[in-house]
Amino acid sequence: MEKIIDVKEFKLISRQFRRTAGDLLNAQNTNEAMRLAIRFISNIDSEPILSDFISKNNVLEFDMKEIIEQRNYHDKFNIPIKVNEEIAFIYQLLKYATENFDRYDTISRSYAMYRGAKISDSIREFNREVVKLLVNHITDYLEEKAIELGIDEKPNAKVLVHGNVGQLNFTETGNIQANQTNNQSGNEELLTLAKDLIAILKETKIENATDKEDAIDFVEEATNSIEAGNQPKPSVIRRAKESLSKIRPAVEDASYLASQMDKVIQAFGNIQF
């Protein structure tokens, strides 16, 4: 996955999560609570930034079927102490419940056992003691990312999200449009220099013809990739630089050809991978 999101989109992701979480935490009816729990889990699973957080913390697999079936009627769930295990447990509990039960009080029933307690009371207490822990962890994560990336201080910032879920990396990229403009300008200059160099090399007699042909071939391969809108392979750039450097001593330092070769070698060295 590679995706660029701006401040607005990042805030919308955070807002959507807070909304779905808030709806679930405020639920009272058992059927409505299950519907909202399904939406809550779906929001996490469908948004890479959220599912990446869960994946990074989903360090232990719990047998939820056995845990739920063996729980006594009055027993609450034994929430793990370690933060990542706590996150994993609560997520897996909700995930299992939404996939296997129709009623939310199947998992919340033991959280309000006092006289006169209603199903709505058990749902409220379960959400407060269990679900809210997961909500707080994800909310803190989003807020920490916003601070780390300078979301509030840089209203025009862009964030590059790349990698696979469980390994996502976040980079504040600054002014993407300016970077793209600079890269495009640099590529156009490189293409002009490279094409001019190729034309001169073809007309210039160099003692080692094989080295000259290698230089022409590798420079052409690199420029063809750039013209096609692709990033040249690092191996191609390396070979183009090496082949040019190999024939460079055979060219007079003060010549136009030497000047163009030096410029192309430097331009290839400035390409960022």
Foldseek 3Di string as FASTA:
>chain_A
DKDKDALVVLVVLLVVLVVLLVLLLQDQFFQVNLVSLVVNLVSQVVDLVNLLVLLLLLPDDDPLVCQLVPDDQQDARDQDDDLSSNLNVLSVNSVVCSVPHNTNCSRQVNQDPDPPDDSSNSSNRCCVVRVVSNSVVSSVVSVVVCVVLVSVVQNGWMWIWDDDRNDIDIDTPGHPVVVVVVVVVLLVVLLVLLVVLLVVLVVDDAPPVVLSVQLSVLSVQCNVQVVVVHHDDPVSLVSNLVSLVVRLVRDDCVDPSNVSSVVNSVSSVPDDD
